[in-house]
Amino acid sequence: MPRTSTFSATGVVTAALIAAAVPLAASASATTDEINRVELVTAAGAGCPPDSVVLTPEDDQRILIGYAALALRAAAGAIGEQVSGCALTLRLKPADGYGYRITGALADLEVDLPARATGTLNVAFGHVDEAPWTGSLVRTGPESRLNTVATRGDNVARGCDVAIPDFTVTTELKLAVDPASGADATVTAPRQTLQVVWEECPPF
């Protein structure tokens, strides 16, 4: 069963975008030739056109996912709801003799909302062999600030001579406005952070 029931990832069109692998800092005992890596395998959706998603190692326990195009804007007097989204497939590649656990994830929602405008962020994270863990943020104007939702990971050890399934990140962004609000409205989902623990495999 999913950890929450706030989000359904339906409606995201499947596509593929092959990107370069990004090296991550490894534990101190790993050599430079054996560093842990993460690869962006596919990116699909209006919120992540080609070359708009960047994976960045923040330190040896975090992977930052940056979105350059996951944003919605409504001009003053606009009517209705806008929706954008992105579905990513990642492949985590531990160095030889290492595995990992994902302990959680953070997702940011930045809003600039007038009265009677609402921004929504729904996220789902998980390996393809498990039910995803999900999170949701809803903000109603007037509000102008950065918000963050935290989700708890599965904390299951992966790797260490066991095949590793791909990891998916699905994001849905919504903006609903009232024409009487009289001002522009903007919502962006600039980045997410995967909390990863790289661990040396136990002896067999």
N, C-alpha and C. Protein backbone atom coordinates (compact mmCIF):
# COMPACT_ATOMS: atom_id res chain seq x y z
N MET A 1 0.85 -1.20 0.00
CA MET A 1 0.00 0.00 0.00
C MET A 1 0.88 1.25 0.00
N PRO A 2 0.52 2.31 -0.74
CA PRO A 2 1.28 3.56 -0.68
C PRO A 2 1.26 4.14 0.72
N ARG A 3 2.28 4.91 1.02
CA ARG A 3 2.37 5.48 2.35
C ARG A 3 1.35 6.58 2.59
N THR A 4 0.92 7.28 1.51
CA THR A 4 -0.21 8.19 1.63
C THR A 4 -1.08 8.01 0.40
N SER A 5 -2.22 8.62 0.41
CA SER A 5 -3.11 8.47 -0.74
C SER A 5 -3.43 9.81 -1.37
N THR A 6 -2.47 10.76 -1.27
CA THR A 6 -2.75 12.12 -1.74
C THR A 6 -2.48 12.31 -3.22
N PHE A 7 -1.87 11.32 -3.91
CA PHE A 7 -1.41 11.61 -5.26
C PHE A 7 -1.57 10.40 -6.17
N SER A 8 -2.02 10.65 -7.35
CA SER A 8 -2.04 9.63 -8.39
C SER A 8 -1.25 10.14 -9.57
N ALA A 9 -0.37 9.31 -10.12
CA ALA A 9 0.52 9.74 -11.20
C ALA A 9 -0.08 9.53 -12.57
N THR A 10 -1.39 9.42 -12.68
CA THR A 10 -2.01 9.22 -13.98
C THR A 10 -1.91 10.48 -14.81
N GLY A 11 -1.93 10.31 -16.12
CA GLY A 11 -1.98 11.45 -17.03
C GLY A 11 -0.63 11.92 -17.51
N VAL A 12 0.48 11.31 -17.03
CA VAL A 12 1.79 11.70 -17.50
C VAL A 12 2.15 10.84 -18.70
N VAL A 13 2.46 11.46 -19.81
CA VAL A 13 2.75 10.73 -21.04
C VAL A 13 4.15 10.15 -20.95
N THR A 14 4.32 8.88 -21.30
CA THR A 14 5.62 8.24 -21.22
C THR A 14 6.46 8.62 -22.44
N ALA A 15 7.71 8.97 -22.17
CA ALA A 15 8.68 9.25 -23.24
C ALA A 15 10.04 8.93 -22.70
N ALA A 16 11.09 9.07 -23.52
CA ALA A 16 12.44 8.73 -23.07
C ALA A 16 13.40 9.83 -23.43
N LEU A 17 14.29 10.10 -22.48
CA LEU A 17 15.36 11.08 -22.71
C LEU A 17 16.59 10.52 -22.04
N ILE A 18 17.57 10.12 -22.83
CA ILE A 18 18.78 9.54 -22.27
C ILE A 18 19.75 10.66 -21.94
N ALA A 19 20.26 10.67 -20.72
CA ALA A 19 21.18 11.71 -20.28
C ALA A 19 22.43 11.08 -19.70
N ALA A 20 23.47 11.89 -19.55
CA ALA A 20 24.75 11.40 -19.06
C ALA A 20 24.67 11.06 -17.59
N ALA A 21 25.50 10.09 -17.18
CA ALA A 21 25.58 9.73 -15.77
C ALA A 21 26.30 10.82 -15.01
N VAL A 22 25.88 11.05 -13.77
CA VAL A 22 26.48 12.09 -12.94
C VAL A 22 27.19 11.42 -11.77
N PRO A 23 28.50 11.64 -11.59
CA PRO A 23 29.20 11.00 -10.48
C PRO A 23 28.82 11.65 -9.15
N LEU A 24 28.75 10.82 -8.12
CA LEU A 24 28.47 11.30 -6.77
C LEU A 24 29.65 10.97 -5.88
N ALA A 25 29.82 11.77 -4.84
CA ALA A 25 30.88 11.51 -3.89
C ALA A 25 30.65 10.17 -3.21
N ALA A 26 31.70 9.37 -3.08
CA ALA A 26 31.58 8.06 -2.46
C ALA A 26 32.12 8.09 -1.05
N SER A 27 31.93 6.98 -0.33
CA SER A 27 32.52 6.87 1.00
C SER A 27 34.04 6.93 0.88
N ALA A 28 34.68 7.25 1.98
CA ALA A 28 36.11 7.55 1.95
C ALA A 28 36.94 6.38 1.43
N SER A 29 36.48 5.14 1.62
CA SER A 29 37.28 3.99 1.23
C SER A 29 37.15 3.63 -0.24
N ALA A 30 36.27 4.27 -0.98
CA ALA A 30 36.12 4.00 -2.40
C ALA A 30 37.12 4.83 -3.20
N THR A 31 37.68 4.23 -4.25
CA THR A 31 38.64 4.96 -5.06
C THR A 31 37.90 5.85 -6.06
N THR A 32 38.65 6.75 -6.71
CA THR A 32 38.03 7.66 -7.67
C THR A 32 37.48 6.92 -8.87
N ASP A 33 37.99 5.70 -9.15
CA ASP A 33 37.48 4.90 -10.25
C ASP A 33 36.24 4.11 -9.87
N GLU A 34 35.84 4.17 -8.60
CA GLU A 34 34.72 3.37 -8.11
C GLU A 34 33.66 4.24 -7.45
N ILE A 35 33.54 5.48 -7.88
CA ILE A 35 32.61 6.38 -7.23
C ILE A 35 31.18 5.98 -7.52
N ASN A 36 30.30 6.26 -6.56
CA ASN A 36 28.88 6.01 -6.73
C ASN A 36 28.33 6.97 -7.79
N ARG A 37 27.36 6.49 -8.56
CA ARG A 37 26.85 7.28 -9.68
C ARG A 37 25.33 7.22 -9.72
N VAL A 38 24.74 8.22 -10.35
CA VAL A 38 23.31 8.21 -10.64
C VAL A 38 23.12 8.67 -12.08
N GLU A 39 22.21 8.02 -12.77
CA GLU A 39 21.97 8.31 -14.19
C GLU A 39 20.51 8.68 -14.40
N LEU A 40 20.28 9.73 -15.18
CA LEU A 40 18.94 10.08 -15.62
C LEU A 40 18.63 9.26 -16.86
N VAL A 41 17.71 8.33 -16.75
CA VAL A 41 17.41 7.40 -17.84
C VAL A 41 16.31 7.96 -18.73
N THR A 42 15.21 8.40 -18.14
CA THR A 42 14.12 8.98 -18.93
C THR A 42 13.55 10.20 -18.22
N ALA A 43 13.02 11.12 -19.01
CA ALA A 43 12.31 12.30 -18.49
C ALA A 43 11.15 12.58 -19.42
N ALA A 44 9.93 12.59 -18.88
CA ALA A 44 8.75 12.75 -19.71
C ALA A 44 7.79 13.74 -19.08
N GLY A 45 7.16 14.58 -19.92
CA GLY A 45 6.17 15.51 -19.42
C GLY A 45 6.46 16.94 -19.84
N ALA A 46 5.42 17.77 -19.78
CA ALA A 46 5.55 19.16 -20.19
C ALA A 46 6.51 19.93 -19.29
N GLY A 47 6.69 19.49 -18.05
CA GLY A 47 7.54 20.21 -17.12
C GLY A 47 9.01 19.86 -17.18
N CYS A 48 9.39 18.97 -18.10
CA CYS A 48 10.82 18.62 -18.20
C CYS A 48 11.21 18.36 -19.65
N PRO A 49 11.22 19.40 -20.48
CA PRO A 49 11.71 19.24 -21.85
C PRO A 49 13.19 18.87 -21.85
N PRO A 50 13.73 18.46 -23.00
CA PRO A 50 15.14 18.04 -23.05
C PRO A 50 16.09 19.06 -22.43
N ASP A 51 17.03 18.54 -21.68
CA ASP A 51 18.11 19.33 -21.07
C ASP A 51 17.64 20.28 -19.97
N SER A 52 16.45 20.09 -19.45
CA SER A 52 15.95 20.98 -18.40
C SER A 52 16.05 20.39 -17.01
N VAL A 53 16.44 19.12 -16.90
CA VAL A 53 16.58 18.45 -15.60
C VAL A 53 18.06 18.20 -15.34
N VAL A 54 18.53 18.59 -14.17
CA VAL A 54 19.94 18.43 -13.82
C VAL A 54 20.05 17.69 -12.50
N LEU A 55 20.88 16.65 -12.48
CA LEU A 55 21.19 15.92 -11.24
C LEU A 55 22.52 16.42 -10.72
N THR A 56 22.55 16.78 -9.44
CA THR A 56 23.75 17.36 -8.85
C THR A 56 24.03 16.73 -7.50
N PRO A 57 25.25 16.23 -7.27
CA PRO A 57 25.61 15.74 -5.94
C PRO A 57 25.86 16.92 -5.01
N GLU A 58 25.12 16.97 -3.90
CA GLU A 58 25.34 18.04 -2.92
C GLU A 58 26.43 17.64 -1.94
N ASP A 59 26.40 16.41 -1.52
CA ASP A 59 27.46 15.81 -0.72
C ASP A 59 27.28 14.31 -0.86
N ASP A 60 27.93 13.52 -0.02
CA ASP A 60 27.86 12.07 -0.21
C ASP A 60 26.57 11.46 0.32
N GLN A 61 25.59 12.28 0.70
CA GLN A 61 24.32 11.74 1.19
C GLN A 61 23.10 12.41 0.57
N ARG A 62 23.29 13.17 -0.50
CA ARG A 62 22.16 13.85 -1.13
C ARG A 62 22.34 13.91 -2.64
N ILE A 63 21.22 13.76 -3.34
CA ILE A 63 21.18 13.98 -4.78
C ILE A 63 20.15 15.07 -5.03
N LEU A 64 20.58 16.18 -5.62
CA LEU A 64 19.66 17.26 -5.96
C LEU A 64 19.13 17.05 -7.37
N ILE A 65 17.81 17.23 -7.53
CA ILE A 65 17.17 17.16 -8.83
C ILE A 65 16.65 18.56 -9.13
N GLY A 66 17.24 19.22 -10.11
CA GLY A 66 16.85 20.58 -10.45
C GLY A 66 16.00 20.63 -11.70
N TYR A 67 14.93 21.44 -11.66
CA TYR A 67 14.01 21.59 -12.79
C TYR A 67 14.07 23.03 -13.29
N ALA A 68 14.40 23.21 -14.55
CA ALA A 68 14.48 24.56 -15.11
C ALA A 68 13.15 25.00 -15.73
N ALA A 69 12.24 24.07 -15.97
CA ALA A 69 11.02 24.41 -16.72
C ALA A 69 9.74 23.98 -16.02
N LEU A 70 9.82 23.51 -14.79
CA LEU A 70 8.62 23.04 -14.10
C LEU A 70 7.98 24.22 -13.37
N ALA A 71 7.18 24.98 -14.10
CA ALA A 71 6.59 26.22 -13.57
C ALA A 71 5.29 26.51 -14.31
N LEU A 72 4.40 27.24 -13.64
CA LEU A 72 3.14 27.68 -14.23
C LEU A 72 2.93 29.14 -13.89
N ARG A 73 2.34 29.89 -14.85
CA ARG A 73 2.07 31.30 -14.62
C ARG A 73 0.71 31.65 -15.23
N ALA A 74 -0.08 32.40 -14.48
CA ALA A 74 -1.37 32.88 -14.97
C ALA A 74 -1.40 34.39 -14.87
N ALA A 75 -1.76 35.04 -15.95
CA ALA A 75 -1.86 36.50 -15.94
C ALA A 75 -3.12 36.93 -15.20
N ALA A 76 -3.10 38.16 -14.76
CA ALA A 76 -4.28 38.72 -14.07
C ALA A 76 -5.52 38.57 -14.94
N GLY A 77 -6.60 38.10 -14.34
CA GLY A 77 -7.84 37.92 -15.06
C GLY A 77 -8.01 36.57 -15.73
N ALA A 78 -6.98 35.70 -15.64
CA ALA A 78 -7.08 34.37 -16.25
C ALA A 78 -8.14 33.54 -15.52
N ILE A 79 -8.66 32.55 -16.22
CA ILE A 79 -9.71 31.70 -15.67
C ILE A 79 -9.26 30.24 -15.75
N GLY A 80 -9.57 29.47 -14.71
CA GLY A 80 -9.38 28.02 -14.77
C GLY A 80 -8.10 27.55 -14.11
N GLU A 81 -7.75 26.28 -14.40
CA GLU A 81 -6.62 25.61 -13.77
C GLU A 81 -5.62 25.17 -14.83
N GLN A 82 -4.34 25.36 -14.52
CA GLN A 82 -3.26 24.88 -15.36
C GLN A 82 -2.58 23.71 -14.65
N VAL A 83 -2.05 22.77 -15.46
CA VAL A 83 -1.37 21.60 -14.91
C VAL A 83 -0.10 21.35 -15.71
N SER A 84 0.98 21.03 -15.00
CA SER A 84 2.22 20.60 -15.64
C SER A 84 2.80 19.47 -14.81
N GLY A 85 3.73 18.73 -15.39
CA GLY A 85 4.28 17.62 -14.64
C GLY A 85 5.53 17.06 -15.27
N CYS A 86 6.15 16.15 -14.56
CA CYS A 86 7.37 15.51 -15.03
C CYS A 86 7.49 14.13 -14.38
N ALA A 87 7.83 13.13 -15.18
CA ALA A 87 8.08 11.78 -14.68
C ALA A 87 9.52 11.39 -15.03
N LEU A 88 10.32 11.16 -14.01
CA LEU A 88 11.72 10.81 -14.20
C LEU A 88 11.96 9.34 -13.83
N THR A 89 12.89 8.73 -14.55
CA THR A 89 13.43 7.43 -14.16
C THR A 89 14.92 7.60 -13.91
N LEU A 90 15.36 7.26 -12.71
CA LEU A 90 16.76 7.35 -12.33
C LEU A 90 17.33 5.95 -12.13
N ARG A 91 18.61 5.82 -12.33
CA ARG A 91 19.31 4.56 -12.08
C ARG A 91 20.50 4.85 -11.17
N LEU A 92 20.42 4.36 -9.95
CA LEU A 92 21.51 4.55 -9.00
C LEU A 92 22.51 3.41 -9.15
N LYS A 93 23.78 3.77 -9.21
CA LYS A 93 24.84 2.80 -9.49
C LYS A 93 25.92 2.88 -8.41
N PRO A 94 25.80 2.07 -7.36
CA PRO A 94 26.82 2.10 -6.32
C PRO A 94 28.17 1.61 -6.85
N ALA A 95 29.23 2.08 -6.23
CA ALA A 95 30.56 1.58 -6.55
C ALA A 95 30.64 0.11 -6.17
N ASP A 96 31.61 -0.59 -6.75
CA ASP A 96 31.82 -1.99 -6.39
C ASP A 96 32.00 -2.11 -4.89
N GLY A 97 31.27 -3.04 -4.30
CA GLY A 97 31.39 -3.25 -2.86
C GLY A 97 30.52 -2.34 -2.02
N TYR A 98 29.64 -1.57 -2.69
CA TYR A 98 28.77 -0.63 -1.97
C TYR A 98 27.31 -0.84 -2.36
N GLY A 99 26.43 -0.46 -1.44
CA GLY A 99 24.99 -0.40 -1.69
C GLY A 99 24.48 0.93 -1.18
N TYR A 100 23.17 1.05 -1.09
CA TYR A 100 22.62 2.33 -0.62
C TYR A 100 21.23 2.11 -0.03
N ARG A 101 20.78 3.11 0.70
CA ARG A 101 19.41 3.20 1.19
C ARG A 101 18.91 4.62 0.92
N ILE A 102 17.65 4.77 0.55
CA ILE A 102 17.05 6.09 0.41
C ILE A 102 16.15 6.33 1.62
N THR A 103 16.53 7.26 2.45
CA THR A 103 15.84 7.48 3.72
C THR A 103 14.71 8.49 3.62
N GLY A 104 14.67 9.26 2.53
CA GLY A 104 13.59 10.24 2.39
C GLY A 104 13.84 11.16 1.22
N ALA A 105 12.94 12.11 1.05
CA ALA A 105 13.05 13.08 -0.04
C ALA A 105 12.39 14.39 0.38
N LEU A 106 12.92 15.48 -0.16
CA LEU A 106 12.34 16.81 0.03
C LEU A 106 11.93 17.36 -1.33
N ALA A 107 10.81 18.06 -1.37
CA ALA A 107 10.35 18.68 -2.62
C ALA A 107 9.95 20.11 -2.34
N ASP A 108 10.45 21.04 -3.14
CA ASP A 108 10.18 22.47 -2.95
C ASP A 108 9.05 22.95 -3.85
N LEU A 109 8.24 23.86 -3.31
CA LEU A 109 7.20 24.56 -4.07
C LEU A 109 7.34 26.04 -3.77
N GLU A 110 7.64 26.81 -4.79
CA GLU A 110 7.76 28.26 -4.63
C GLU A 110 6.53 28.92 -5.24
N VAL A 111 5.87 29.79 -4.46
CA VAL A 111 4.62 30.38 -4.93
C VAL A 111 4.67 31.89 -4.83
N ASP A 112 3.97 32.53 -5.76
CA ASP A 112 3.68 33.96 -5.70
C ASP A 112 2.22 34.09 -6.11
N LEU A 113 1.35 34.06 -5.10
CA LEU A 113 -0.08 33.91 -5.34
C LEU A 113 -0.86 35.11 -4.81
N PRO A 114 -1.74 35.67 -5.61
CA PRO A 114 -2.66 36.68 -5.10
C PRO A 114 -3.82 35.99 -4.38
N ALA A 115 -4.70 36.76 -3.82
CA ALA A 115 -5.89 36.21 -3.19
C ALA A 115 -6.70 35.39 -4.19
N ARG A 116 -7.28 34.28 -3.72
CA ARG A 116 -8.14 33.40 -4.50
C ARG A 116 -7.39 32.66 -5.60
N ALA A 117 -6.08 32.51 -5.45
CA ALA A 117 -5.30 31.65 -6.34
C ALA A 117 -4.69 30.52 -5.50
N THR A 118 -4.60 29.33 -6.08
CA THR A 118 -4.12 28.17 -5.35
C THR A 118 -3.06 27.43 -6.15
N GLY A 119 -1.94 27.10 -5.49
CA GLY A 119 -0.90 26.29 -6.09
C GLY A 119 -0.81 24.95 -5.39
N THR A 120 -0.62 23.88 -6.18
CA THR A 120 -0.57 22.52 -5.63
C THR A 120 0.64 21.79 -6.18
N LEU A 121 1.34 21.07 -5.31
CA LEU A 121 2.45 20.20 -5.70
C LEU A 121 2.17 18.80 -5.19
N ASN A 122 2.18 17.81 -6.08
CA ASN A 122 2.07 16.40 -5.72
C ASN A 122 3.32 15.68 -6.19
N VAL A 123 3.91 14.87 -5.34
CA VAL A 123 5.12 14.14 -5.69
C VAL A 123 4.99 12.68 -5.28
N ALA A 124 5.66 11.82 -6.04
CA ALA A 124 5.71 10.39 -5.72
C ALA A 124 7.12 9.89 -6.02
N PHE A 125 7.70 9.16 -5.08
CA PHE A 125 9.06 8.63 -5.21
C PHE A 125 9.01 7.12 -4.95
N GLY A 126 9.88 6.36 -5.62
CA GLY A 126 9.97 4.94 -5.28
C GLY A 126 10.66 4.12 -6.35
N HIS A 127 11.25 3.00 -5.94
CA HIS A 127 11.76 2.03 -6.90
C HIS A 127 10.58 1.37 -7.61
N VAL A 128 10.83 0.89 -8.82
CA VAL A 128 9.72 0.37 -9.62
C VAL A 128 9.15 -0.93 -9.08
N ASP A 129 9.83 -1.56 -8.13
CA ASP A 129 9.32 -2.81 -7.56
C ASP A 129 8.56 -2.58 -6.26
N GLU A 130 8.22 -1.33 -5.94
CA GLU A 130 7.53 -1.04 -4.68
C GLU A 130 6.46 0.02 -4.90
N ALA A 131 5.52 0.08 -3.97
CA ALA A 131 4.54 1.16 -3.98
C ALA A 131 5.27 2.46 -3.64
N PRO A 132 4.95 3.57 -4.33
CA PRO A 132 5.68 4.81 -4.07
C PRO A 132 5.29 5.44 -2.75
N TRP A 133 6.19 6.25 -2.21
CA TRP A 133 5.83 7.12 -1.10
C TRP A 133 5.54 8.50 -1.68
N THR A 134 4.55 9.17 -1.11
CA THR A 134 4.02 10.37 -1.75
C THR A 134 3.97 11.54 -0.79
N GLY A 135 3.85 12.73 -1.36
CA GLY A 135 3.69 13.95 -0.57
C GLY A 135 2.91 14.98 -1.36
N SER A 136 2.30 15.92 -0.65
CA SER A 136 1.48 16.94 -1.31
C SER A 136 1.55 18.24 -0.54
N LEU A 137 1.54 19.34 -1.29
CA LEU A 137 1.48 20.69 -0.73
C LEU A 137 0.39 21.47 -1.44
N VAL A 138 -0.43 22.19 -0.71
CA VAL A 138 -1.43 23.08 -1.28
C VAL A 138 -1.30 24.44 -0.60
N ARG A 139 -1.16 25.49 -1.41
CA ARG A 139 -1.04 26.84 -0.87
C ARG A 139 -2.04 27.76 -1.57
N THR A 140 -2.72 28.59 -0.78
CA THR A 140 -3.70 29.54 -1.30
C THR A 140 -3.29 30.96 -0.95
N GLY A 141 -3.39 31.85 -1.93
CA GLY A 141 -2.97 33.23 -1.73
C GLY A 141 -3.93 34.04 -0.86
N PRO A 142 -3.45 35.19 -0.43
CA PRO A 142 -2.16 35.76 -0.81
C PRO A 142 -0.99 35.11 -0.07
N GLU A 143 -0.01 34.71 -0.84
CA GLU A 143 1.20 34.10 -0.27
C GLU A 143 2.33 34.20 -1.27
N SER A 144 3.52 34.50 -0.79
CA SER A 144 4.70 34.56 -1.64
C SER A 144 5.88 34.03 -0.84
N ARG A 145 6.22 32.74 -1.03
CA ARG A 145 7.33 32.16 -0.29
C ARG A 145 7.65 30.77 -0.84
N LEU A 146 8.76 30.22 -0.33
CA LEU A 146 9.20 28.87 -0.68
C LEU A 146 8.68 27.90 0.39
N ASN A 147 8.07 26.81 -0.06
CA ASN A 147 7.56 25.79 0.83
C ASN A 147 8.25 24.47 0.52
N THR A 148 8.35 23.58 1.51
CA THR A 148 8.99 22.29 1.31
C THR A 148 8.15 21.19 1.95
N VAL A 149 7.96 20.09 1.22
CA VAL A 149 7.28 18.92 1.77
C VAL A 149 8.31 17.80 1.90
N ALA A 150 8.30 17.12 3.04
CA ALA A 150 9.22 16.02 3.31
C ALA A 150 8.46 14.70 3.25
N THR A 151 9.07 13.70 2.64
CA THR A 151 8.48 12.36 2.60
C THR A 151 9.49 11.37 3.16
N ARG A 152 8.99 10.33 3.76
CA ARG A 152 9.85 9.29 4.33
C ARG A 152 10.14 8.23 3.30
N GLY A 153 11.41 7.85 3.14
CA GLY A 153 11.79 6.82 2.18
C GLY A 153 11.56 5.42 2.70
N ASP A 154 11.84 4.42 1.84
CA ASP A 154 11.63 3.04 2.27
C ASP A 154 12.76 2.53 3.17
N ASN A 155 13.95 3.17 3.08
CA ASN A 155 15.10 2.82 3.92
C ASN A 155 15.51 1.36 3.76
N VAL A 156 15.27 0.79 2.57
CA VAL A 156 15.63 -0.59 2.29
C VAL A 156 17.00 -0.63 1.63
N ALA A 157 17.87 -1.52 2.08
CA ALA A 157 19.20 -1.65 1.51
C ALA A 157 19.09 -2.18 0.07
N ARG A 158 19.82 -1.55 -0.84
CA ARG A 158 19.82 -1.94 -2.25
C ARG A 158 21.25 -2.19 -2.70
N GLY A 159 21.40 -3.06 -3.68
CA GLY A 159 22.72 -3.34 -4.23
C GLY A 159 23.38 -4.49 -3.52
N CYS A 160 24.72 -4.44 -3.45
CA CYS A 160 25.51 -5.50 -2.80
C CYS A 160 25.22 -6.84 -3.47
N ASP A 161 25.51 -6.91 -4.78
CA ASP A 161 25.36 -8.12 -5.59
C ASP A 161 23.91 -8.51 -5.84
N VAL A 162 22.97 -7.64 -5.53
CA VAL A 162 21.57 -7.87 -5.84
C VAL A 162 21.15 -6.83 -6.88
N ALA A 163 20.43 -7.26 -7.92
CA ALA A 163 20.02 -6.34 -8.98
C ALA A 163 19.22 -5.18 -8.41
N ILE A 164 19.51 -3.97 -8.90
CA ILE A 164 18.85 -2.76 -8.40
C ILE A 164 17.81 -2.30 -9.40
N PRO A 165 16.54 -2.21 -8.99
CA PRO A 165 15.51 -1.69 -9.90
C PRO A 165 15.66 -0.18 -10.08
N ASP A 166 15.13 0.34 -11.17
CA ASP A 166 15.16 1.78 -11.40
C ASP A 166 14.31 2.50 -10.36
N PHE A 167 14.60 3.79 -10.21
CA PHE A 167 13.92 4.63 -9.22
C PHE A 167 13.15 5.71 -9.97
N THR A 168 11.89 5.93 -9.61
CA THR A 168 11.06 6.90 -10.32
C THR A 168 10.72 8.10 -9.42
N VAL A 169 10.64 9.25 -10.06
CA VAL A 169 10.24 10.50 -9.41
C VAL A 169 9.16 11.13 -10.28
N THR A 170 7.95 11.24 -9.75
CA THR A 170 6.84 11.81 -10.51
C THR A 170 6.34 13.07 -9.82
N THR A 171 6.22 14.14 -10.58
CA THR A 171 5.85 15.44 -10.02
C THR A 171 4.68 16.03 -10.81
N GLU A 172 3.69 16.53 -10.08
CA GLU A 172 2.55 17.20 -10.69
C GLU A 172 2.42 18.58 -10.06
N LEU A 173 2.29 19.61 -10.91
CA LEU A 173 2.17 20.99 -10.46
C LEU A 173 0.87 21.58 -11.01
N LYS A 174 0.11 22.26 -10.13
CA LYS A 174 -1.17 22.84 -10.54
C LYS A 174 -1.25 24.30 -10.09
N LEU A 175 -1.97 25.08 -10.89
CA LEU A 175 -2.24 26.47 -10.55
C LEU A 175 -3.68 26.78 -10.92
N ALA A 176 -4.47 27.16 -9.91
CA ALA A 176 -5.87 27.53 -10.13
C ALA A 176 -6.06 28.98 -9.73
N VAL A 177 -6.71 29.76 -10.58
CA VAL A 177 -6.87 31.19 -10.31
C VAL A 177 -8.33 31.60 -10.48
N ASP A 178 -8.63 32.72 -9.87
CA ASP A 178 -9.96 33.34 -9.97
C ASP A 178 -9.77 34.65 -10.74
N PRO A 179 -10.55 34.90 -11.79
CA PRO A 179 -10.36 36.13 -12.56
C PRO A 179 -10.53 37.40 -11.73
N ALA A 180 -11.19 37.28 -10.58
CA ALA A 180 -11.38 38.46 -9.74
C ALA A 180 -10.15 38.79 -8.91
N SER A 181 -9.11 37.91 -8.97
CA SER A 181 -7.93 38.16 -8.15
C SER A 181 -7.19 39.42 -8.57
N GLY A 182 -7.19 39.74 -9.86
CA GLY A 182 -6.62 40.98 -10.33
C GLY A 182 -5.12 41.08 -10.33
N ALA A 183 -4.39 39.93 -10.25
CA ALA A 183 -2.93 39.97 -10.24
C ALA A 183 -2.39 38.69 -10.85
N ASP A 184 -1.13 38.73 -11.32
CA ASP A 184 -0.48 37.54 -11.85
C ASP A 184 -0.26 36.52 -10.73
N ALA A 185 -0.21 35.24 -11.13
CA ALA A 185 0.06 34.15 -10.18
C ALA A 185 1.12 33.24 -10.77
N THR A 186 2.06 32.78 -9.93
CA THR A 186 3.14 31.92 -10.39
C THR A 186 3.41 30.83 -9.36
N VAL A 187 3.63 29.60 -9.84
CA VAL A 187 4.09 28.50 -8.99
C VAL A 187 5.23 27.80 -9.71
N THR A 188 6.25 27.41 -8.99
CA THR A 188 7.38 26.68 -9.56
C THR A 188 7.75 25.55 -8.61
N ALA A 189 8.28 24.48 -9.21
CA ALA A 189 8.83 23.37 -8.43
C ALA A 189 10.31 23.27 -8.81
N PRO A 190 11.16 24.08 -8.17
CA PRO A 190 12.53 24.23 -8.64
C PRO A 190 13.45 23.04 -8.38
N ARG A 191 13.21 22.31 -7.28
CA ARG A 191 14.14 21.22 -7.02
C ARG A 191 13.56 20.23 -6.01
N GLN A 192 14.18 19.04 -6.02
CA GLN A 192 13.92 18.01 -5.03
C GLN A 192 15.26 17.47 -4.54
N THR A 193 15.24 16.89 -3.36
CA THR A 193 16.45 16.34 -2.77
C THR A 193 16.19 14.91 -2.32
N LEU A 194 16.95 13.97 -2.87
CA LEU A 194 16.91 12.60 -2.39
C LEU A 194 17.96 12.42 -1.30
N GLN A 195 17.55 11.86 -0.19
CA GLN A 195 18.46 11.62 0.93
C GLN A 195 18.96 10.18 0.83
N VAL A 196 20.20 10.03 0.41
CA VAL A 196 20.77 8.72 0.10
C VAL A 196 21.93 8.42 1.04
N VAL A 197 21.95 7.20 1.56
CA VAL A 197 23.07 6.73 2.38
C VAL A 197 23.79 5.65 1.59
N TRP A 198 25.04 5.92 1.19
CA TRP A 198 25.86 4.92 0.50
C TRP A 198 26.59 4.11 1.57
N GLU A 199 26.52 2.79 1.47
CA GLU A 199 27.07 1.94 2.51
C GLU A 199 27.95 0.84 1.92
N GLU A 200 29.03 0.53 2.63
CA GLU A 200 29.88 -0.59 2.22
C GLU A 200 29.14 -1.89 2.46
N CYS A 201 29.22 -2.80 1.50
CA CYS A 201 28.51 -4.08 1.64
C CYS A 201 29.15 -4.93 2.73
N PRO A 202 28.35 -5.69 3.46
CA PRO A 202 28.91 -6.58 4.50
C PRO A 202 29.67 -7.73 3.84
N PRO A 203 30.63 -8.30 4.53
CA PRO A 203 31.36 -9.45 3.98
C PRO A 203 30.43 -10.67 3.90
N PHE A 204 30.68 -11.49 2.88
CA PHE A 204 29.87 -12.70 2.70
C PHE A 204 30.67 -13.93 3.09
